[in-house]
Amino acid sequence: MSKHDDEDALEAAQLGLVRWQQHCMKSGQKVLVIFEGRDAAGKDGTIKRVTEHMSVRNTRVVALPKPSDRDRSQWYFQRYVGHLPAGGETVIFNRSWYNRAGVERVMGFSTPEEQEHFLREVPNVEAMLVSSGLTLVKLWLDVSKAEQARRLAERRTDPLKVLKSSPLDAAAQERWDAYTEARDEMLRRTDTASAPWVCVRSDDKRAARLAVVRHLVHVLAPEDVAADVDRPDPKVLFPFDIGALADGRLER
């Protein structure tokens, strides 16, 4: 697909999101979209395309900072609960409670007991949210080691991307295998019928963004709205299954 065709396709999908949000605001639907992935997987850019034409008042992007001492003394999910959507609202978590299964595990920011407790409890928490009427979408953006290295290097040299840099960037490559192991266990243990994971191959940013916007339209919008938007490319976006950990669909 040419860049021009890609932009037209993205605009058509974004229009579907706008039409869906009009319905959402009237119906009182509550939506939480979780974006997870390695550093430089493309979460920020994809979220920008998702929210580009959505209502500012009814859409919130939440990217929580490092937890304070007070945060660490609370129930782990407590700092996230206050950000959950009310009726007619869409909330996007740019990283989420799954930090405990990823960066906290790899970098030693929480104990193995805390990590195990999280993996046991999060399916119950998410099932409770879904049963209360919240629509939950979980997206894992998957990037290759080589592409991650290229993007991280670009952050260091492009002055417009300096604010994306993090002290943890170096560990992303140095601890690649540890992050892979953490990802595999997280997906395996927290993919459930009520809150499934959807994986997105994100080396091609434009293809990933288009696939995500199309996916959101098809899982959130009424049938008459979704019918006007093409389905995402299954080679780019697919539901997680155990086979993806070994058959090359997810990066090793």
C-alpha atoms as a PDB file:
ATOM      1  CA  MET A   1       0.000   0.000   0.000  1.00  0.00           C
ATOM      2  CA  SER A   2       1.385   3.425  -0.971  1.00  0.00           C
ATOM      3  CA  LYS A   3       1.720   6.153   1.627  1.00  0.00           C
ATOM      4  CA  HIS A   4      -1.203   8.046   0.051  1.00  0.00           C
ATOM      5  CA  ASP A   5      -3.418   4.944   0.053  1.00  0.00           C
ATOM      6  CA  ASP A   6      -2.337   4.178   3.606  1.00  0.00           C
ATOM      7  CA  GLU A   7      -3.331   7.665   4.763  1.00  0.00           C
ATOM      8  CA  ASP A   8      -6.728   7.334   3.060  1.00  0.00           C
ATOM      9  CA  ALA A   9      -7.290   3.956   4.712  1.00  0.00           C
ATOM     10  CA  LEU A  10      -6.308   5.344   8.115  1.00  0.00           C
ATOM     11  CA  GLU A  11      -8.650   8.303   7.700  1.00  0.00           C
ATOM     12  CA  ALA A  12     -11.527   5.972   6.826  1.00  0.00           C
ATOM     13  CA  ALA A  13     -10.822   3.888   9.925  1.00  0.00           C
ATOM     14  CA  GLN A  14     -10.559   6.998  12.107  1.00  0.00           C
ATOM     15  CA  LEU A  15     -13.934   8.113  10.782  1.00  0.00           C
ATOM     16  CA  GLY A  16     -15.277   4.790  11.992  1.00  0.00           C
ATOM     17  CA  LEU A  17     -13.885   5.552  15.451  1.00  0.00           C
ATOM     18  CA  VAL A  18     -15.559   8.969  15.445  1.00  0.00           C
ATOM     19  CA  ARG A  19     -18.901   7.430  14.474  1.00  0.00           C
ATOM     20  CA  TRP A  20     -18.450   4.780  17.157  1.00  0.00           C
ATOM     21  CA  GLN A  21     -17.638   7.368  19.839  1.00  0.00           C
ATOM     22  CA  GLN A  22     -20.805   9.294  19.017  1.00  0.00           C
ATOM     23  CA  HIS A  23     -22.685   6.084  19.766  1.00  0.00           C
ATOM     24  CA  CYS A  24     -20.564   5.466  22.880  1.00  0.00           C
ATOM     25  CA  MET A  25     -21.319   8.898  24.322  1.00  0.00           C
ATOM     26  CA  LYS A  26     -25.058   8.423  23.793  1.00  0.00           C
ATOM     27  CA  SER A  27     -25.232   4.835  25.039  1.00  0.00           C
ATOM     28  CA  GLY A  28     -22.990   5.308  28.092  1.00  0.00           C
ATOM     29  CA  GLN A  29     -20.542   2.594  27.020  1.00  0.00           C
ATOM     30  CA  LYS A  30     -17.403   2.432  29.199  1.00  0.00           C
ATOM     31  CA  VAL A  31     -14.206   1.514  27.368  1.00  0.00           C
ATOM     32  CA  LEU A  32     -10.700   0.792  28.609  1.00  0.00           C
ATOM     33  CA  VAL A  33      -7.952   0.127  26.068  1.00  0.00           C
ATOM     34  CA  ILE A  34      -4.607  -1.142  27.379  1.00  0.00           C
ATOM     35  CA  PHE A  35      -1.487  -0.636  25.268  1.00  0.00           C
ATOM     36  CA  GLU A  36       1.496  -2.740  26.264  1.00  0.00           C
ATOM     37  CA  GLY A  37       4.763  -3.602  24.518  1.00  0.00           C
ATOM     38  CA  ARG A  38       8.520  -3.325  24.777  1.00  0.00           C
ATOM     39  CA  ASP A  39      10.227   0.067  24.779  1.00  0.00           C
ATOM     40  CA  ALA A  40       9.981   1.700  21.328  1.00  0.00           C
ATOM     41  CA  ALA A  41       7.243  -0.700  20.188  1.00  0.00           C
ATOM     42  CA  GLY A  42       5.228   2.241  18.867  1.00  0.00           C
ATOM     43  CA  LYS A  43       2.660   2.739  21.609  1.00  0.00           C
ATOM     44  CA  ASP A  44       2.808   6.561  21.656  1.00  0.00           C
ATOM     45  CA  GLY A  45       2.422   6.985  17.911  1.00  0.00           C
ATOM     46  CA  THR A  46      -0.377   4.446  17.670  1.00  0.00           C
ATOM     47  CA  ILE A  47      -2.298   6.054  20.525  1.00  0.00           C
ATOM     48  CA  LYS A  48      -1.901   9.422  18.817  1.00  0.00           C
ATOM     49  CA  ARG A  49      -3.541   8.051  15.653  1.00  0.00           C
ATOM     50  CA  VAL A  50      -6.326   6.430  17.680  1.00  0.00           C
ATOM     51  CA  THR A  51      -7.217   9.617  19.557  1.00  0.00           C
ATOM     52  CA  GLU A  52      -6.460  12.131  16.788  1.00  0.00           C
ATOM     53  CA  HIS A  53     -10.105  12.910  15.976  1.00  0.00           C
ATOM     54  CA  MET A  54     -11.811  11.646  19.118  1.00  0.00           C
ATOM     55  CA  SER A  55     -13.555  13.833  21.687  1.00  0.00           C
ATOM     56  CA  VAL A  56     -11.091  15.475  24.067  1.00  0.00           C
ATOM     57  CA  ARG A  57     -13.688  15.597  26.836  1.00  0.00           C
ATOM     58  CA  ASN A  58     -14.640  11.949  26.553  1.00  0.00           C
ATOM     59  CA  THR A  59     -11.199  10.469  25.880  1.00  0.00           C
ATOM     60  CA  ARG A  60      -8.317  10.232  28.341  1.00  0.00           C
ATOM     61  CA  VAL A  61      -4.829   8.844  27.863  1.00  0.00           C
ATOM     62  CA  VAL A  62      -3.254   7.713  31.139  1.00  0.00           C
ATOM     63  CA  ALA A  63       0.499   7.215  31.448  1.00  0.00           C
ATOM     64  CA  LEU A  64       1.276   7.007  35.142  1.00  0.00           C
ATOM     65  CA  PRO A  65       4.684   8.038  36.494  1.00  0.00           C
ATOM     66  CA  LYS A  66       6.944   5.980  38.701  1.00  0.00           C
ATOM     67  CA  PRO A  67       4.972   5.007  41.852  1.00  0.00           C
ATOM     68  CA  SER A  68       5.587   7.016  45.007  1.00  0.00           C
ATOM     69  CA  ASP A  69       6.225   5.504  48.437  1.00  0.00           C
ATOM     70  CA  ARG A  70       2.530   6.064  49.187  1.00  0.00           C
ATOM     71  CA  ASP A  71       1.540   4.300  45.971  1.00  0.00           C
ATOM     72  CA  ARG A  72       3.719   1.341  46.895  1.00  0.00           C
ATOM     73  CA  SER A  73       1.973   1.025  50.259  1.00  0.00           C
ATOM     74  CA  GLN A  74      -1.463   0.683  48.609  1.00  0.00           C
ATOM     75  CA  TRP A  75      -3.260  -2.231  47.023  1.00  0.00           C
ATOM     76  CA  TYR A  76      -1.409  -2.588  43.727  1.00  0.00           C
ATOM     77  CA  PHE A  77      -4.430  -1.817  41.509  1.00  0.00           C
ATOM     78  CA  GLN A  78      -5.537   1.149  43.615  1.00  0.00           C
ATOM     79  CA  ARG A  79      -3.621   3.823  41.696  1.00  0.00           C
ATOM     80  CA  TYR A  80      -5.275   2.684  38.467  1.00  0.00           C
ATOM     81  CA  VAL A  81      -8.861   2.440  39.699  1.00  0.00           C
ATOM     82  CA  GLY A  82      -9.399   6.202  39.859  1.00  0.00           C
ATOM     83  CA  HIS A  83      -8.616   6.458  36.150  1.00  0.00           C
ATOM     84  CA  LEU A  84     -11.216   3.925  34.979  1.00  0.00           C
ATOM     85  CA  PRO A  85     -13.882   5.279  32.588  1.00  0.00           C
ATOM     86  CA  ALA A  86     -17.348   6.448  33.523  1.00  0.00           C
ATOM     87  CA  GLY A  87     -20.289   6.070  31.157  1.00  0.00           C
ATOM     88  CA  GLY A  88     -19.608   7.494  27.704  1.00  0.00           C
ATOM     89  CA  GLU A  89     -15.857   7.684  28.300  1.00  0.00           C
ATOM     90  CA  THR A  90     -12.894   6.000  26.668  1.00  0.00           C
ATOM     91  CA  VAL A  91      -9.684   5.616  28.685  1.00  0.00           C
ATOM     92  CA  ILE A  92      -6.406   4.474  27.158  1.00  0.00           C
ATOM     93  CA  PHE A  93      -3.651   3.149  29.398  1.00  0.00           C
ATOM     94  CA  ASN A  94      -0.232   3.770  27.854  1.00  0.00           C
ATOM     95  CA  ARG A  95       1.315   1.001  29.915  1.00  0.00           C
ATOM     96  CA  SER A  96      -0.802  -0.248  32.744  1.00  0.00           C
ATOM     97  CA  TRP A  97      -0.932  -2.564  35.723  1.00  0.00           C
ATOM     98  CA  TYR A  98       1.022  -4.976  33.501  1.00  0.00           C
ATOM     99  CA  ASN A  99       4.172  -3.059  34.458  1.00  0.00           C
ATOM    100  CA  ARG A 100       4.362  -5.557  37.305  1.00  0.00           C
ATOM    101  CA  ALA A 101       4.652  -8.443  34.852  1.00  0.00           C
ATOM    102  CA  GLY A 102       7.166  -6.660  32.623  1.00  0.00           C
ATOM    103  CA  VAL A 103       9.578  -3.904  33.618  1.00  0.00           C
ATOM    104  CA  GLU A 104       9.144  -4.485  37.377  1.00  0.00           C
ATOM    105  CA  ARG A 105       9.992  -8.154  36.955  1.00  0.00           C
ATOM    106  CA  VAL A 106      12.970  -7.622  34.658  1.00  0.00           C
ATOM    107  CA  MET A 107      14.431  -4.682  36.571  1.00  0.00           C
ATOM    108  CA  GLY A 108      13.712  -6.052  40.049  1.00  0.00           C
ATOM    109  CA  PHE A 109      11.353  -3.226  41.052  1.00  0.00           C
ATOM    110  CA  SER A 110       9.027  -5.701  42.767  1.00  0.00           C
ATOM    111  CA  THR A 111       9.557  -9.035  44.481  1.00  0.00           C
ATOM    112  CA  PRO A 112       8.938 -12.440  42.881  1.00  0.00           C
ATOM    113  CA  GLU A 113       6.109 -12.917  45.407  1.00  0.00           C
ATOM    114  CA  GLU A 114       4.476  -9.647  44.324  1.00  0.00           C
ATOM    115  CA  GLN A 115       4.829 -10.603  40.671  1.00  0.00           C
ATOM    116  CA  GLU A 116       3.298 -14.031  41.231  1.00  0.00           C
ATOM    117  CA  HIS A 117       0.431 -12.524  43.239  1.00  0.00           C
ATOM    118  CA  PHE A 118      -0.240 -10.103  40.389  1.00  0.00           C
ATOM    119  CA  LEU A 119      -0.356 -12.832  37.748  1.00  0.00           C
ATOM    120  CA  ARG A 120      -2.811 -14.813  39.862  1.00  0.00           C
ATOM    121  CA  GLU A 121      -5.035 -11.829  40.664  1.00  0.00           C
ATOM    122  CA  VAL A 122      -5.190  -9.785  37.455  1.00  0.00           C
ATOM    123  CA  PRO A 123      -7.524 -12.204  35.597  1.00  0.00           C
ATOM    124  CA  ASN A 124      -9.973 -11.907  38.500  1.00  0.00           C
ATOM    125  CA  VAL A 125      -9.742  -8.115  38.559  1.00  0.00           C
ATOM    126  CA  GLU A 126     -10.285  -7.859  34.820  1.00  0.00           C
ATOM    127  CA  ALA A 127     -13.185 -10.328  34.896  1.00  0.00           C
ATOM    128  CA  MET A 128     -14.817  -8.206  37.604  1.00  0.00           C
ATOM    129  CA  LEU A 129     -14.416  -5.050  35.501  1.00  0.00           C
ATOM    130  CA  VAL A 130     -15.882  -6.721  32.428  1.00  0.00           C
ATOM    131  CA  SER A 131     -18.808  -8.173  34.381  1.00  0.00           C
ATOM    132  CA  SER A 132     -19.563  -4.673  35.675  1.00  0.00           C
ATOM    133  CA  GLY A 133     -20.173  -3.518  32.098  1.00  0.00           C
ATOM    134  CA  LEU A 134     -16.760  -2.168  31.131  1.00  0.00           C
ATOM    135  CA  THR A 135     -15.422  -3.038  27.666  1.00  0.00           C
ATOM    136  CA  LEU A 136     -11.751  -4.006  27.942  1.00  0.00           C
ATOM    137  CA  VAL A 137      -9.338  -4.231  24.998  1.00  0.00           C
ATOM    138  CA  LYS A 138      -5.748  -5.401  25.593  1.00  0.00           C
ATOM    139  CA  LEU A 139      -3.143  -4.796  22.884  1.00  0.00           C
ATOM    140  CA  TRP A 140       0.431  -6.117  22.871  1.00  0.00           C
ATOM    141  CA  LEU A 141       2.646  -4.267  20.360  1.00  0.00           C
ATOM    142  CA  ASP A 142       5.515  -6.532  19.346  1.00  0.00           C
ATOM    143  CA  VAL A 143       8.759  -5.129  17.906  1.00  0.00           C
ATOM    144  CA  SER A 144      11.889  -6.935  16.713  1.00  0.00           C
ATOM    145  CA  LYS A 145      15.209  -6.523  18.488  1.00  0.00           C
ATOM    146  CA  ALA A 146      16.835  -4.891  15.453  1.00  0.00           C
ATOM    147  CA  GLU A 147      14.009  -2.407  14.943  1.00  0.00           C
ATOM    148  CA  GLN A 148      13.939  -1.573  18.641  1.00  0.00           C
ATOM    149  CA  ALA A 149      17.680  -0.861  18.526  1.00  0.00           C
ATOM    150  CA  ARG A 150      17.203   1.444  15.529  1.00  0.00           C
ATOM    151  CA  ARG A 151      14.395   3.374  17.216  1.00  0.00           C
ATOM    152  CA  LEU A 152      16.257   3.719  20.508  1.00  0.00           C
ATOM    153  CA  ALA A 153      19.313   5.045  18.655  1.00  0.00           C
ATOM    154  CA  GLU A 154      17.088   7.551  16.858  1.00  0.00           C
ATOM    155  CA  ARG A 155      15.839   8.807  20.217  1.00  0.00           C
ATOM    156  CA  ARG A 156      19.393   9.542  21.260  1.00  0.00           C
ATOM    157  CA  THR A 157      20.225  11.522  18.117  1.00  0.00           C
ATOM    158  CA  ASP A 158      16.964  13.281  17.187  1.00  0.00           C
ATOM    159  CA  PRO A 159      16.410  16.379  19.376  1.00  0.00           C
ATOM    160  CA  LEU A 160      12.661  16.188  18.732  1.00  0.00           C
ATOM    161  CA  LYS A 161      12.547  12.725  20.310  1.00  0.00           C
ATOM    162  CA  VAL A 162      14.741  13.415  23.334  1.00  0.00           C
ATOM    163  CA  LEU A 163      11.734  13.443  25.689  1.00  0.00           C
ATOM    164  CA  LYS A 164      11.057   9.820  24.775  1.00  0.00           C
ATOM    165  CA  SER A 165      14.444   8.758  26.113  1.00  0.00           C
ATOM    166  CA  SER A 166      14.564   6.873  29.394  1.00  0.00           C
ATOM    167  CA  PRO A 167      17.325   5.589  31.683  1.00  0.00           C
ATOM    168  CA  LEU A 168      15.819   2.146  31.052  1.00  0.00           C
ATOM    169  CA  ASP A 169      16.424   2.290  27.292  1.00  0.00           C
ATOM    170  CA  ALA A 170      19.783   0.513  27.511  1.00  0.00           C
ATOM    171  CA  ALA A 171      18.259  -2.348  29.492  1.00  0.00           C
ATOM    172  CA  ALA A 172      15.706  -2.932  26.747  1.00  0.00           C
ATOM    173  CA  GLN A 173      18.415  -4.387  24.519  1.00  0.00           C
ATOM    174  CA  GLU A 174      20.724  -5.748  27.200  1.00  0.00           C
ATOM    175  CA  ARG A 175      17.881  -7.689  28.840  1.00  0.00           C
ATOM    176  CA  TRP A 176      16.014  -8.617  25.675  1.00  0.00           C
ATOM    177  CA  ASP A 177      15.772 -12.299  26.587  1.00  0.00           C
ATOM    178  CA  ALA A 178      14.509 -11.522  30.095  1.00  0.00           C
ATOM    179  CA  TYR A 179      11.813  -9.263  28.624  1.00  0.00           C
ATOM    180  CA  THR A 180      10.880 -12.038  26.185  1.00  0.00           C
ATOM    181  CA  GLU A 181      10.497 -14.511  29.033  1.00  0.00           C
ATOM    182  CA  ALA A 182       8.399 -12.028  31.011  1.00  0.00           C
ATOM    183  CA  ARG A 183       6.190 -11.312  27.988  1.00  0.00           C
ATOM    184  CA  ASP A 184       5.608 -14.984  27.325  1.00  0.00           C
ATOM    185  CA  GLU A 185       4.513 -15.726  30.877  1.00  0.00           C
ATOM    186  CA  MET A 186       2.328 -12.617  31.024  1.00  0.00           C
ATOM    187  CA  LEU A 187       0.488 -13.439  27.800  1.00  0.00           C
ATOM    188  CA  ARG A 188       0.139 -17.106  28.695  1.00  0.00           C
ATOM    189  CA  ARG A 189      -1.285 -16.492  32.152  1.00  0.00           C
ATOM    190  CA  THR A 190      -3.434 -13.392  31.593  1.00  0.00           C
ATOM    191  CA  ASP A 191      -5.086 -14.174  28.256  1.00  0.00           C
ATOM    192  CA  THR A 192      -8.647 -15.054  29.252  1.00  0.00           C
ATOM    193  CA  ALA A 193     -12.025 -15.430  27.589  1.00  0.00           C
ATOM    194  CA  SER A 194     -13.305 -12.221  29.177  1.00  0.00           C
ATOM    195  CA  ALA A 195     -10.092 -10.223  28.653  1.00  0.00           C
ATOM    196  CA  PRO A 196      -8.084 -11.657  25.729  1.00  0.00           C
ATOM    197  CA  TRP A 197      -4.827 -10.291  24.374  1.00  0.00           C
ATOM    198  CA  VAL A 198      -4.497  -9.113  20.793  1.00  0.00           C
ATOM    199  CA  CYS A 199      -0.970  -8.972  19.333  1.00  0.00           C
ATOM    200  CA  VAL A 200       0.256  -6.396  16.831  1.00  0.00           C
ATOM    201  CA  ARG A 201       3.443  -6.762  14.774  1.00  0.00           C
ATOM    202  CA  SER A 202       4.745  -3.192  14.951  1.00  0.00           C
ATOM    203  CA  ASP A 203       8.002  -3.041  12.972  1.00  0.00           C
ATOM    204  CA  ASP A 204       5.990  -1.345  10.213  1.00  0.00           C
ATOM    205  CA  LYS A 205       4.516   1.581  12.128  1.00  0.00           C
ATOM    206  CA  ARG A 206       1.977   2.611   9.518  1.00  0.00           C
ATOM    207  CA  ALA A 207       0.643  -0.918   9.112  1.00  0.00           C
ATOM    208  CA  ALA A 208       0.417  -1.376  12.888  1.00  0.00           C
ATOM    209  CA  ARG A 209      -1.434   1.903  13.429  1.00  0.00           C
ATOM    210  CA  LEU A 210      -3.945   1.148  10.715  1.00  0.00           C
ATOM    211  CA  ALA A 211      -4.524  -2.361  12.029  1.00  0.00           C
ATOM    212  CA  VAL A 212      -5.121  -1.114  15.583  1.00  0.00           C
ATOM    213  CA  VAL A 213      -7.606   1.576  14.545  1.00  0.00           C
ATOM    214  CA  ARG A 214      -9.495  -0.901  12.385  1.00  0.00           C
ATOM    215  CA  HIS A 215      -9.505  -3.458  15.190  1.00  0.00           C
ATOM    216  CA  LEU A 216     -10.936  -0.975  17.672  1.00  0.00           C
ATOM    217  CA  VAL A 217     -13.753  -0.110  15.290  1.00  0.00           C
ATOM    218  CA  HIS A 218     -14.636  -3.783  14.835  1.00  0.00           C
ATOM    219  CA  VAL A 219     -14.586  -4.693  18.534  1.00  0.00           C
ATOM    220  CA  LEU A 220     -16.274  -1.531  19.806  1.00  0.00           C
ATOM    221  CA  ALA A 221     -18.628  -0.152  17.165  1.00  0.00           C
ATOM    222  CA  PRO A 222     -22.170  -1.199  16.229  1.00  0.00           C
ATOM    223  CA  GLU A 223     -22.381  -3.465  13.199  1.00  0.00           C
ATOM    224  CA  ASP A 224     -23.584  -0.731  10.832  1.00  0.00           C
ATOM    225  CA  VAL A 225     -20.502   1.384  11.652  1.00  0.00           C
ATOM    226  CA  ALA A 226     -18.000  -1.491  11.576  1.00  0.00           C
ATOM    227  CA  ALA A 227     -19.322  -2.682   8.218  1.00  0.00           C
ATOM    228  CA  ASP A 228     -17.850   0.410   6.536  1.00  0.00           C
ATOM    229  CA  VAL A 229     -14.314  -0.275   7.816  1.00  0.00           C
ATOM    230  CA  ASP A 230     -12.042  -3.012   6.498  1.00  0.00           C
ATOM    231  CA  ARG A 231     -10.870  -5.624   8.954  1.00  0.00           C
ATOM    232  CA  PRO A 232      -7.221  -5.451  10.110  1.00  0.00           C
ATOM    233  CA  ASP A 233      -4.567  -7.398   8.237  1.00  0.00           C
ATOM    234  CA  PRO A 234      -4.275 -10.756  10.064  1.00  0.00           C
ATOM    235  CA  LYS A 235      -0.555 -10.839   9.301  1.00  0.00           C
ATOM    236  CA  VAL A 236      -0.201  -7.629  11.346  1.00  0.00           C
ATOM    237  CA  LEU A 237      -2.822  -8.050  14.091  1.00  0.00           C
ATOM    238  CA  PHE A 238      -4.030 -11.357  15.514  1.00  0.00           C
ATOM    239  CA  PRO A 239      -5.550 -12.791  18.705  1.00  0.00           C
ATOM    240  CA  PHE A 240      -2.978 -14.308  21.011  1.00  0.00           C
ATOM    241  CA  ASP A 241      -2.712 -18.067  21.222  1.00  0.00           C
ATOM    242  CA  ILE A 242      -0.029 -20.294  22.715  1.00  0.00           C
ATOM    243  CA  GLY A 243       1.311 -21.203  19.293  1.00  0.00           C
ATOM    244  CA  ALA A 244       2.379 -17.602  18.695  1.00  0.00           C
ATOM    245  CA  LEU A 245       5.137 -18.023  21.291  1.00  0.00           C
ATOM    246  CA  ALA A 246       6.946 -20.530  19.102  1.00  0.00           C
ATOM    247  CA  ASP A 247       5.829 -20.179  15.478  1.00  0.00           C
ATOM    248  CA  GLY A 248       7.470 -16.843  14.651  1.00  0.00           C
ATOM    249  CA  ARG A 249       4.466 -14.554  14.967  1.00  0.00           C
ATOM    250  CA  LEU A 250       5.987 -13.016  18.109  1.00  0.00           C
ATOM    251  CA  GLU A 251       9.611 -11.899  18.197  1.00  0.00           C
ATOM    252  CA  ARG A 252      12.130 -13.979  20.121  1.00  0.00           C
END
